[in-house]
Amino acid sequence: MLKHVTFLGSAALSLALATSATAQDVTADTVVARVGETEITMGQVIIARAQLPQQYAQFPSSVLFDGIIDQLIQQQLLADALETVPNRIELSLQNERRAMLAGEVISAITQTAVTEDALQAAYDARFADAEDMTEFNASHLLVETEQEAIAAKARIDDGAEFADVARDVSTGPTGPNGGNLGWFSAGAMVPEFENAIMALNVGEVTAPFQTQFGWHVATLNEMRVQARPSLDDLRRDLTAELQEAAVTARLDELAAGQEIVTPAEGDFDPETINNLDLLD
């Protein structure tokens, strides 16, 4: 925020600004300061306050009020000193106005696009054809040769704990923790491994089988059906989807009612967007 600048006005004007409005009748159009013939209104002060970074929230309103008015006065003094408005400023103002007006329309659309019924319908549609997802918890041991895998399987068949055998012989990264792979669902493992696991009942152990990584022996520790997320779990995502769909639909509707002309390929050199000299 700019440092304090004393506003040089007549005593009568200062008194008028101080006494012309009470807390009850202040509106956005209420004049709070003047620079020459230019009025600074309460609405402009409010907008400036709303655009301050969050860290300014620590200051009391009285400090912010004075500081914002000082800043607006300084800006007006400097703006009045500019004799010729550069083209880039006019273009920036045009873009800013366009963006702000578009933002207002988007805000209005998104505020009305989401209802509980719409959310429920979107949730139901997402899971209309969804099947329950089964997850598997499995352990395995990995060795280089079939003979090693057969020997490891024989130890397990003779009563050795799977985890102990895996710790002894497995060359895979899960060997030190007994070969446990944790929970996974369909598609997470290579097909040969997935098929071997899905053919098991809990507690069963596979015969030795081969994948691109080597020879395996695996066991299925547990199975569970993954619970579907609730509507509340997906509320934020579904809300965003509904709002985006509503904005897209409105854009399509507006575009259908307008003649829109876009550049044909080759009309312009794309590198032109980097040519700031054109703004002079």
Protein backbone atom coordinates (compact mmCIF):
# COMPACT_ATOMS: atom_id res chain seq x y z
CA MET A 1 0.00 0.00 0.00
CA LEU A 2 1.30 3.48 -0.83
CA LYS A 3 2.47 5.73 1.99
CA HIS A 4 0.22 8.45 3.38
CA VAL A 5 -0.34 11.54 1.26
CA THR A 6 -2.13 14.54 2.74
CA PHE A 7 -5.17 15.53 0.68
CA LEU A 8 -5.00 19.26 0.06
CA GLY A 9 -8.58 20.49 -0.12
CA SER A 10 -10.55 23.37 1.27
CA ALA A 11 -11.76 23.28 4.86
CA ALA A 12 -15.32 23.49 3.58
CA LEU A 13 -14.84 20.48 1.30
CA SER A 14 -13.24 18.45 4.07
CA LEU A 15 -16.09 19.30 6.41
CA ALA A 16 -18.62 18.41 3.72
CA LEU A 17 -17.06 15.01 3.13
CA ALA A 18 -16.95 14.35 6.84
CA THR A 19 -20.50 15.35 7.60
CA SER A 20 -22.47 14.79 4.41
CA ALA A 21 -23.14 11.10 5.09
CA THR A 22 -24.05 9.18 8.19
CA ALA A 23 -23.62 5.47 8.78
CA GLN A 24 -27.31 5.04 7.96
CA ASP A 25 -27.34 6.63 4.51
CA VAL A 26 -23.93 5.71 3.06
CA THR A 27 -24.21 3.97 -0.30
CA ALA A 28 -21.71 2.77 -2.90
CA ASP A 29 -22.14 6.17 -4.59
CA THR A 30 -21.32 8.19 -1.48
CA VAL A 31 -18.33 10.45 -2.17
CA VAL A 32 -15.53 9.99 0.34
CA ALA A 33 -12.80 12.07 -1.33
CA ARG A 34 -12.16 14.24 -4.38
CA VAL A 35 -9.11 14.92 -6.50
CA GLY A 36 -9.84 17.99 -8.56
CA GLU A 37 -13.13 17.20 -10.27
CA THR A 38 -12.78 13.45 -9.83
CA GLU A 39 -14.84 11.85 -7.07
CA ILE A 40 -13.73 8.79 -5.13
CA THR A 41 -16.71 6.83 -3.85
CA MET A 42 -17.33 4.40 -1.04
CA GLY A 43 -17.97 1.71 -3.64
CA GLN A 44 -14.47 2.18 -5.04
CA VAL A 45 -13.04 1.95 -1.53
CA ILE A 46 -14.97 -1.27 -0.85
CA ILE A 47 -13.73 -2.84 -4.08
CA ALA A 48 -10.16 -1.84 -3.29
CA ARG A 49 -10.52 -3.41 0.18
CA ALA A 50 -11.89 -6.63 -1.28
CA GLN A 51 -8.88 -6.90 -3.59
CA LEU A 52 -6.27 -6.57 -0.86
CA PRO A 53 -4.13 -9.64 -0.09
CA GLN A 54 -5.22 -11.77 2.86
CA GLN A 55 -2.45 -10.49 5.13
CA TYR A 56 -4.19 -7.12 5.35
CA ALA A 57 -6.99 -8.74 7.36
CA GLN A 58 -4.85 -8.24 10.48
CA PHE A 59 -5.25 -4.45 10.27
CA PRO A 60 -8.24 -2.66 11.80
CA SER A 61 -10.78 -1.19 9.40
CA SER A 62 -9.89 2.34 10.45
CA VAL A 63 -6.31 1.85 9.30
CA LEU A 64 -7.37 0.22 6.06
CA PHE A 65 -9.97 2.90 5.36
CA ASP A 66 -7.43 5.72 5.63
CA GLY A 67 -4.77 3.80 3.73
CA ILE A 68 -7.05 2.85 0.87
CA ILE A 69 -8.28 6.42 0.43
CA ASP A 70 -4.69 7.65 0.43
CA GLN A 71 -3.80 5.07 -2.19
CA LEU A 72 -6.75 5.94 -4.42
CA ILE A 73 -5.90 9.63 -4.16
CA GLN A 74 -2.28 8.98 -5.10
CA GLN A 75 -3.34 6.80 -8.01
CA GLN A 76 -5.73 9.49 -9.25
CA LEU A 77 -3.05 12.18 -9.00
CA LEU A 78 -0.66 10.04 -11.02
CA ALA A 79 -3.36 9.01 -13.50
CA ASP A 80 -4.29 12.66 -14.10
CA ALA A 81 -0.64 13.39 -14.83
CA LEU A 82 -0.67 11.00 -17.78
CA GLU A 83 -1.32 13.14 -20.84
CA THR A 84 -1.65 10.32 -23.38
CA VAL A 85 -3.07 6.92 -22.48
CA PRO A 86 -0.89 4.22 -24.09
CA ASN A 87 -2.66 1.80 -26.39
CA ARG A 88 -1.59 -1.13 -24.22
CA ILE A 89 -3.50 0.38 -21.30
CA GLU A 90 -6.69 0.70 -23.32
CA LEU A 91 -6.31 -2.87 -24.57
CA SER A 92 -5.68 -4.14 -21.04
CA LEU A 93 -8.79 -2.36 -19.80
CA GLN A 94 -10.82 -3.91 -22.60
CA ASN A 95 -9.58 -7.38 -21.74
CA GLU A 96 -10.14 -6.81 -18.03
CA ARG A 97 -13.69 -5.61 -18.61
CA ARG A 98 -14.43 -8.58 -20.85
CA ALA A 99 -13.04 -11.01 -18.28
CA MET A 100 -14.93 -9.45 -15.39
CA LEU A 101 -18.24 -9.44 -17.26
CA ALA A 102 -17.72 -13.05 -18.30
CA GLY A 103 -16.89 -13.92 -14.71
CA GLU A 104 -20.19 -12.47 -13.55
CA VAL A 105 -22.10 -14.67 -15.99
CA ILE A 106 -20.11 -17.74 -14.98
CA SER A 107 -20.78 -17.00 -11.31
CA ALA A 108 -24.51 -16.72 -11.96
CA ILE A 109 -24.53 -20.00 -13.89
CA THR A 110 -22.55 -21.96 -11.32
CA GLN A 111 -24.67 -20.72 -8.44
CA THR A 112 -27.82 -22.21 -9.94
CA ALA A 113 -26.37 -25.27 -11.68
CA VAL A 114 -26.07 -27.45 -8.58
CA THR A 115 -29.04 -28.83 -6.67
CA GLU A 116 -29.33 -31.88 -4.46
CA ASP A 117 -31.40 -33.59 -7.14
CA ALA A 118 -28.78 -32.84 -9.77
CA LEU A 119 -26.01 -34.10 -7.50
CA GLN A 120 -27.92 -37.31 -6.76
CA ALA A 121 -28.59 -37.88 -10.46
CA ALA A 122 -24.92 -37.36 -11.32
CA TYR A 123 -23.89 -39.71 -8.51
CA ASP A 124 -26.34 -42.39 -9.65
CA ALA A 125 -25.19 -42.06 -13.25
CA ARG A 126 -21.57 -42.53 -12.27
CA PHE A 127 -22.31 -45.86 -10.60
CA ALA A 128 -25.22 -47.05 -12.77
CA ASP A 129 -23.08 -49.67 -14.55
CA ALA A 130 -20.34 -49.97 -11.97
CA GLU A 131 -19.58 -53.37 -10.53
CA ASP A 132 -18.32 -53.96 -7.03
CA MET A 133 -14.53 -53.85 -7.00
CA THR A 134 -12.80 -56.71 -5.25
CA GLU A 135 -9.43 -56.07 -3.66
CA PHE A 136 -6.84 -58.68 -2.86
CA ASN A 137 -4.15 -58.90 -0.22
CA ALA A 138 -1.46 -61.32 -1.31
CA SER A 139 2.09 -62.37 -0.59
CA HIS A 140 4.63 -63.88 -2.96
CA LEU A 141 8.19 -65.02 -3.22
CA LEU A 142 10.32 -64.44 -6.30
CA VAL A 143 13.27 -66.60 -7.38
CA GLU A 144 15.25 -67.00 -10.57
CA THR A 145 14.59 -70.63 -11.49
CA GLU A 146 11.73 -73.07 -11.52
CA GLN A 147 13.73 -75.48 -9.38
CA GLU A 148 14.10 -72.85 -6.65
CA ALA A 149 10.36 -72.12 -6.80
CA ILE A 150 9.52 -75.84 -6.53
CA ALA A 151 11.82 -76.19 -3.52
CA ALA A 152 10.24 -73.16 -1.82
CA LYS A 153 6.73 -74.51 -2.46
CA ALA A 154 7.74 -77.87 -0.97
CA ARG A 155 8.86 -76.17 2.26
CA ILE A 156 5.50 -74.39 2.50
CA ASP A 157 3.62 -77.63 1.81
CA ASP A 158 5.63 -79.27 4.62
CA GLY A 159 4.34 -76.68 7.08
CA ALA A 160 6.76 -73.79 6.93
CA GLU A 161 5.25 -70.32 7.20
CA PHE A 162 4.97 -68.61 3.83
CA ALA A 163 6.46 -65.39 5.21
CA ASP A 164 9.46 -67.24 6.65
CA VAL A 165 10.20 -68.95 3.33
CA ALA A 166 9.82 -65.67 1.46
CA ARG A 167 12.26 -63.96 3.80
CA ASP A 168 14.73 -66.80 3.25
CA VAL A 169 14.67 -67.12 -0.53
CA SER A 170 12.82 -64.25 -2.24
CA THR A 171 14.89 -61.92 -4.38
CA GLY A 172 12.05 -59.43 -4.75
CA PRO A 173 11.83 -56.13 -2.82
CA THR A 174 9.05 -57.52 -0.61
CA GLY A 175 11.17 -60.44 0.58
CA PRO A 176 12.31 -58.79 3.84
CA ASN A 177 8.66 -58.26 4.95
CA GLY A 178 7.63 -61.82 4.19
CA GLY A 179 6.58 -61.13 0.61
CA ASN A 180 3.47 -59.14 1.50
CA LEU A 181 2.23 -57.03 -1.41
CA GLY A 182 -0.54 -55.24 0.46
CA TRP A 183 -3.92 -54.53 -1.11
CA PHE A 184 -4.43 -54.27 -4.85
CA SER A 185 -7.28 -54.55 -7.34
CA ALA A 186 -7.68 -55.97 -10.82
CA GLY A 187 -5.29 -54.45 -13.32
CA ALA A 188 -2.59 -53.59 -10.81
CA MET A 189 -0.43 -56.66 -11.47
CA VAL A 190 0.87 -58.34 -14.62
CA PRO A 191 -1.77 -60.72 -16.05
CA GLU A 192 0.02 -63.96 -15.14
CA PHE A 193 0.29 -62.91 -11.50
CA GLU A 194 -3.25 -61.54 -11.33
CA ASN A 195 -4.73 -64.70 -12.84
CA ALA A 196 -2.86 -66.89 -10.38
CA ILE A 197 -4.08 -64.88 -7.39
CA MET A 198 -7.69 -64.65 -8.53
CA ALA A 199 -7.85 -68.42 -8.89
CA LEU A 200 -7.10 -68.91 -5.20
CA ASN A 201 -9.27 -69.12 -2.14
CA VAL A 202 -8.03 -67.29 0.94
CA GLY A 203 -5.16 -69.22 2.48
CA GLU A 204 -4.31 -71.25 -0.60
CA VAL A 205 -0.86 -71.23 -2.22
CA THR A 206 -0.17 -71.33 -5.94
CA ALA A 207 2.01 -73.80 -7.75
CA PRO A 208 5.20 -72.20 -9.08
CA PHE A 209 4.47 -69.93 -12.07
CA GLN A 210 6.51 -67.64 -14.26
CA THR A 211 6.22 -63.96 -15.17
CA GLN A 212 8.61 -61.57 -16.86
CA PHE A 213 10.22 -61.00 -13.46
CA GLY A 214 11.06 -64.62 -12.68
CA TRP A 215 9.44 -67.55 -10.90
CA HIS A 216 6.81 -66.97 -8.23
CA VAL A 217 4.96 -68.77 -5.50
CA ALA A 218 2.06 -66.72 -4.11
CA THR A 219 -0.67 -66.94 -1.51
CA LEU A 220 -3.94 -65.07 -1.05
CA ASN A 221 -4.12 -63.59 2.45
CA GLU A 222 -7.44 -61.72 2.33
CA MET A 223 -10.15 -60.46 0.00
CA ARG A 224 -12.55 -57.57 0.39
CA VAL A 225 -15.08 -55.62 -1.63
CA GLN A 226 -14.11 -51.98 -1.87
CA ALA A 227 -16.88 -49.75 -0.57
CA ARG A 228 -18.21 -47.22 -3.03
CA PRO A 229 -17.60 -43.59 -2.10
CA SER A 230 -20.65 -41.83 -0.74
CA LEU A 231 -22.33 -38.83 -2.34
CA ASP A 232 -20.69 -36.60 0.25
CA ASP A 233 -17.29 -38.10 -0.61
CA LEU A 234 -17.80 -37.06 -4.23
CA ARG A 235 -19.76 -33.87 -3.62
CA ARG A 236 -16.91 -31.53 -4.54
CA ASP A 237 -16.04 -33.41 -7.75
CA LEU A 238 -19.66 -33.75 -8.83
CA THR A 239 -20.32 -30.09 -8.10
CA ALA A 240 -17.40 -29.07 -10.31
CA GLU A 241 -18.62 -31.38 -13.08
CA LEU A 242 -22.15 -29.99 -12.97
CA GLN A 243 -20.91 -26.41 -12.98
CA GLU A 244 -18.56 -27.04 -15.89
CA ALA A 245 -21.33 -28.76 -17.84
CA ALA A 246 -23.70 -25.84 -17.19
CA VAL A 247 -21.15 -23.27 -18.35
CA THR A 248 -20.37 -25.33 -21.46
CA ALA A 249 -24.06 -25.68 -22.28
CA ARG A 250 -24.58 -21.93 -21.92
CA LEU A 251 -21.57 -21.20 -24.10
CA ASP A 252 -22.90 -23.54 -26.78
CA GLU A 253 -26.28 -21.82 -26.59
CA LEU A 254 -24.76 -18.36 -26.88
CA ALA A 255 -22.44 -19.39 -29.71
CA ALA A 256 -25.36 -20.83 -31.66
CA GLY A 257 -26.97 -17.39 -31.68
CA GLN A 258 -23.93 -15.50 -32.92
CA GLU A 259 -21.83 -15.40 -36.04
CA ILE A 260 -18.33 -16.24 -34.85
CA VAL A 261 -15.37 -15.77 -37.16
CA THR A 262 -12.00 -17.26 -36.26
CA PRO A 263 -8.65 -16.98 -38.04
CA ALA A 264 -8.08 -19.41 -40.87
CA GLU A 265 -4.88 -21.41 -40.78
CA GLY A 266 -2.08 -19.29 -42.18
CA ASP A 267 -3.82 -15.95 -41.72
CA PHE A 268 -1.47 -14.94 -38.92
CA ASP A 269 1.97 -15.91 -37.74
CA PRO A 270 1.48 -17.33 -34.21
CA GLU A 271 4.73 -15.67 -33.14
CA THR A 272 2.99 -12.31 -33.50
CA ILE A 273 1.57 -12.74 -29.98
CA ASN A 274 5.08 -12.06 -28.66
CA ASN A 275 5.50 -8.79 -30.58
CA LEU A 276 4.98 -6.07 -27.99
CA ASP A 277 6.14 -3.43 -30.47
CA LEU A 278 2.71 -3.61 -32.11
CA LEU A 279 1.25 -1.97 -29.00
CA ASP A 280 3.26 1.23 -29.44
